Amino acid sequence: RAEAEGGRTATARRGVDEAAEDRRGEEKGNGVGKRKEKEEETLDAQSPPAGPDEQEVNHLLNEGKTVDALKIILKTAPIGSKCQIVKDAASALAMRVLLAVKASEMEQAVGSLDRESVDVLMKYIYRGFESPSEGSSGHLLAWHEKAYAAGGIGSIVRVMTDRKRV
């Protein structure tokens, strides 16, 4: 029994020694830390745009082109972004667009979307449910009904199981 415990202690010591060696290697610049930096740079280079252009969306909303504004919001959603500020700004803009669309235009708007856009729409709908504002819940429920009719249960499952959030 003492040998088994001693074996565990030796294994634990080896793990601690390896971690300390990694830290020393990073301090010396042997590439361990640099490898992580390169991975982060690669992710930044591949990251999607910083979200929808607020001026363009506001211009479309002022002209009454809510369906076009919706399409821009969905196509430029910062899904892969790690910046919460960008996601919050895009979500707030998406809520403004969703609430600007009249109930009579919802079905036509959802019908003009592809499957991926319907999934992003569902993500924004669920994000809106997380922090409801005055009168938004009923409107979001109407959106959910139309998006569910277009995307089916598969859309809900894809949104709920996807780790990338808006």
Protein backbone atom coordinates (compact mmCIF):
# COMPACT_ATOMS: atom_id res chain seq x y z
CA ARG A 1 0.00 0.00 0.00
CA ALA A 2 2.82 2.36 0.83
CA GLU A 3 4.39 1.58 -2.54
CA ALA A 4 1.12 2.43 -4.33
CA GLU A 5 0.90 5.75 -2.53
CA GLY A 6 4.55 6.39 -3.25
CA GLY A 7 3.88 5.67 -6.92
CA ARG A 8 1.05 8.18 -6.96
CA THR A 9 3.24 10.75 -5.26
CA ALA A 10 6.00 10.20 -7.81
CA THR A 11 3.48 10.56 -10.64
CA ALA A 12 2.07 13.74 -9.12
CA ARG A 13 5.61 15.07 -8.69
CA ARG A 14 6.34 14.36 -12.35
CA GLY A 15 3.20 16.27 -13.37
CA VAL A 16 4.22 19.25 -11.24
CA ASP A 17 7.77 19.09 -12.62
CA GLU A 18 6.47 19.05 -16.21
CA ALA A 19 4.23 22.05 -15.53
CA ALA A 20 7.16 23.94 -14.00
CA GLU A 21 9.31 23.02 -17.01
CA ASP A 22 6.63 24.39 -19.36
CA ARG A 23 6.58 27.66 -17.42
CA ARG A 24 10.38 27.92 -17.60
CA GLY A 25 10.23 27.15 -21.31
CA GLU A 26 7.70 29.92 -21.85
CA GLU A 27 9.91 32.36 -19.94
CA LYS A 28 12.91 31.36 -22.07
CA GLY A 29 10.82 31.61 -25.22
CA ASN A 30 11.28 28.04 -26.45
CA GLY A 31 8.09 28.17 -28.48
CA VAL A 32 5.44 26.86 -26.08
CA GLY A 33 4.05 30.35 -25.45
CA LYS A 34 4.67 31.39 -29.05
CA ARG A 35 2.64 28.46 -30.34
CA LYS A 36 -0.37 29.67 -28.34
CA GLU A 37 0.11 33.21 -29.67
CA LYS A 38 0.16 31.92 -33.26
CA GLU A 39 -3.05 29.96 -32.65
CA GLU A 40 -4.74 33.10 -31.30
CA GLU A 41 -3.53 35.16 -34.28
CA THR A 42 -4.90 32.53 -36.65
CA LEU A 43 -8.26 32.62 -34.89
CA ASP A 44 -8.31 36.43 -35.06
CA ALA A 45 -7.48 36.37 -38.77
CA GLN A 46 -10.34 33.92 -39.39
CA SER A 47 -12.83 35.64 -37.11
CA PRO A 48 -16.00 36.97 -38.71
CA PRO A 49 -16.74 40.66 -39.11
CA ALA A 50 -17.39 42.76 -36.05
CA GLY A 51 -21.12 42.54 -36.53
CA PRO A 52 -23.67 44.40 -38.61
CA ASP A 53 -23.15 47.97 -39.77
CA GLU A 54 -25.44 49.98 -37.51
CA GLN A 55 -25.67 52.96 -39.87
CA GLU A 56 -26.70 50.79 -42.80
CA VAL A 57 -29.32 48.97 -40.71
CA ASN A 58 -30.69 52.26 -39.33
CA HIS A 59 -30.88 53.65 -42.88
CA LEU A 60 -32.88 50.62 -44.04
CA LEU A 61 -35.19 50.85 -41.02
CA ASN A 62 -35.82 54.56 -41.70
CA GLU A 63 -36.73 53.71 -45.31
CA GLY A 64 -39.11 50.99 -44.11
CA LYS A 65 -37.05 48.16 -45.59
CA THR A 66 -37.25 45.99 -42.50
CA VAL A 67 -36.81 42.69 -44.36
CA ASP A 68 -33.54 43.91 -45.89
CA ALA A 69 -32.38 45.11 -42.48
CA LEU A 70 -33.22 41.70 -41.03
CA LYS A 71 -31.21 39.93 -43.73
CA ILE A 72 -28.16 42.12 -43.03
CA ILE A 73 -28.44 41.48 -39.29
CA LEU A 74 -28.58 37.72 -39.82
CA LYS A 75 -25.81 37.52 -42.44
CA THR A 76 -23.35 39.63 -40.42
CA ALA A 77 -24.06 38.22 -36.96
CA PRO A 78 -20.87 38.01 -34.86
CA ILE A 79 -21.36 34.33 -34.05
CA GLY A 80 -17.67 33.41 -33.89
CA SER A 81 -16.63 36.57 -32.05
CA LYS A 82 -15.27 36.28 -28.54
CA CYS A 83 -15.94 39.95 -27.76
CA GLN A 84 -19.06 40.20 -25.62
CA ILE A 85 -19.41 43.93 -26.32
CA VAL A 86 -19.73 43.27 -30.06
CA LYS A 87 -22.27 40.51 -29.43
CA ASP A 88 -24.32 42.72 -27.10
CA ALA A 89 -24.37 45.59 -29.61
CA ALA A 90 -25.39 43.25 -32.44
CA SER A 91 -28.08 41.70 -30.26
CA ALA A 92 -29.52 45.09 -29.32
CA LEU A 93 -29.59 46.08 -32.99
CA ALA A 94 -31.21 42.77 -33.91
CA MET A 95 -33.91 43.31 -31.27
CA ARG A 96 -34.63 46.75 -32.73
CA VAL A 97 -35.01 45.20 -36.19
CA LEU A 98 -37.17 42.31 -34.97
CA LEU A 99 -39.47 44.66 -33.06
CA ALA A 100 -39.69 47.00 -36.08
CA VAL A 101 -41.06 44.29 -38.36
CA LYS A 102 -44.85 44.22 -38.36
CA ALA A 103 -46.62 40.96 -37.55
CA SER A 104 -48.14 40.89 -41.03
CA GLU A 105 -44.64 41.00 -42.61
CA MET A 106 -43.06 38.29 -40.45
CA GLU A 107 -44.11 35.30 -42.53
CA GLN A 108 -42.83 36.88 -45.75
CA ALA A 109 -39.56 37.85 -44.03
CA VAL A 110 -38.93 34.36 -42.64
CA GLY A 111 -39.94 32.78 -45.94
CA SER A 112 -37.20 34.71 -47.74
CA LEU A 113 -34.46 33.31 -45.46
CA ASP A 114 -32.24 30.28 -46.00
CA ARG A 115 -31.86 27.57 -43.35
CA GLU A 116 -28.73 29.07 -41.81
CA SER A 117 -30.36 32.49 -41.49
CA VAL A 118 -33.43 30.94 -39.84
CA ASP A 119 -31.10 29.33 -37.29
CA VAL A 120 -29.40 32.68 -36.58
CA LEU A 121 -32.85 34.26 -36.28
CA MET A 122 -33.76 31.62 -33.68
CA LYS A 123 -30.56 32.44 -31.79
CA TYR A 124 -31.54 36.11 -31.66
CA ILE A 125 -35.08 35.21 -30.60
CA TYR A 126 -33.81 33.13 -27.69
CA ARG A 127 -31.31 35.87 -26.80
CA GLY A 128 -34.24 38.31 -26.70
CA PHE A 129 -36.13 35.97 -24.36
CA GLU A 130 -33.15 36.08 -21.97
CA SER A 131 -33.60 39.80 -21.34
CA PRO A 132 -37.14 40.83 -22.25
CA SER A 133 -38.13 44.47 -22.56
CA GLU A 134 -41.57 46.03 -22.38
CA GLY A 135 -43.80 44.36 -24.97
CA SER A 136 -41.05 42.36 -26.64
CA SER A 137 -42.05 38.90 -25.41
CA GLY A 138 -45.27 38.69 -27.42
CA HIS A 139 -43.53 39.94 -30.55
CA LEU A 140 -40.68 37.46 -30.06
CA LEU A 141 -43.19 34.64 -29.59
CA ALA A 142 -44.75 35.55 -32.93
CA TRP A 143 -41.27 35.50 -34.49
CA HIS A 144 -40.61 32.12 -32.88
CA GLU A 145 -43.83 30.72 -34.33
CA LYS A 146 -42.88 31.84 -37.86
CA ALA A 147 -39.25 30.67 -37.53
CA TYR A 148 -40.40 27.31 -36.17
CA ALA A 149 -42.78 26.92 -39.12
CA ALA A 150 -39.88 27.53 -41.52
CA GLY A 151 -37.09 25.66 -39.73
CA GLY A 152 -38.98 23.00 -37.83
CA ILE A 153 -37.77 21.26 -34.70
CA GLY A 154 -34.35 20.86 -36.33
CA SER A 155 -33.75 24.58 -36.10
CA ILE A 156 -34.47 24.58 -32.37
CA VAL A 157 -32.22 21.57 -31.81
CA ARG A 158 -29.37 23.14 -33.82
CA VAL A 159 -29.64 26.39 -31.87
CA MET A 160 -29.82 24.70 -28.47
CA THR A 161 -26.86 22.41 -29.14
CA ASP A 162 -24.63 24.97 -30.87
CA ARG A 163 -21.92 26.40 -28.63
CA LYS A 164 -21.56 29.54 -30.72
CA ARG A 165 -23.88 32.21 -29.40
CA VAL A 166 -24.97 35.58 -30.65
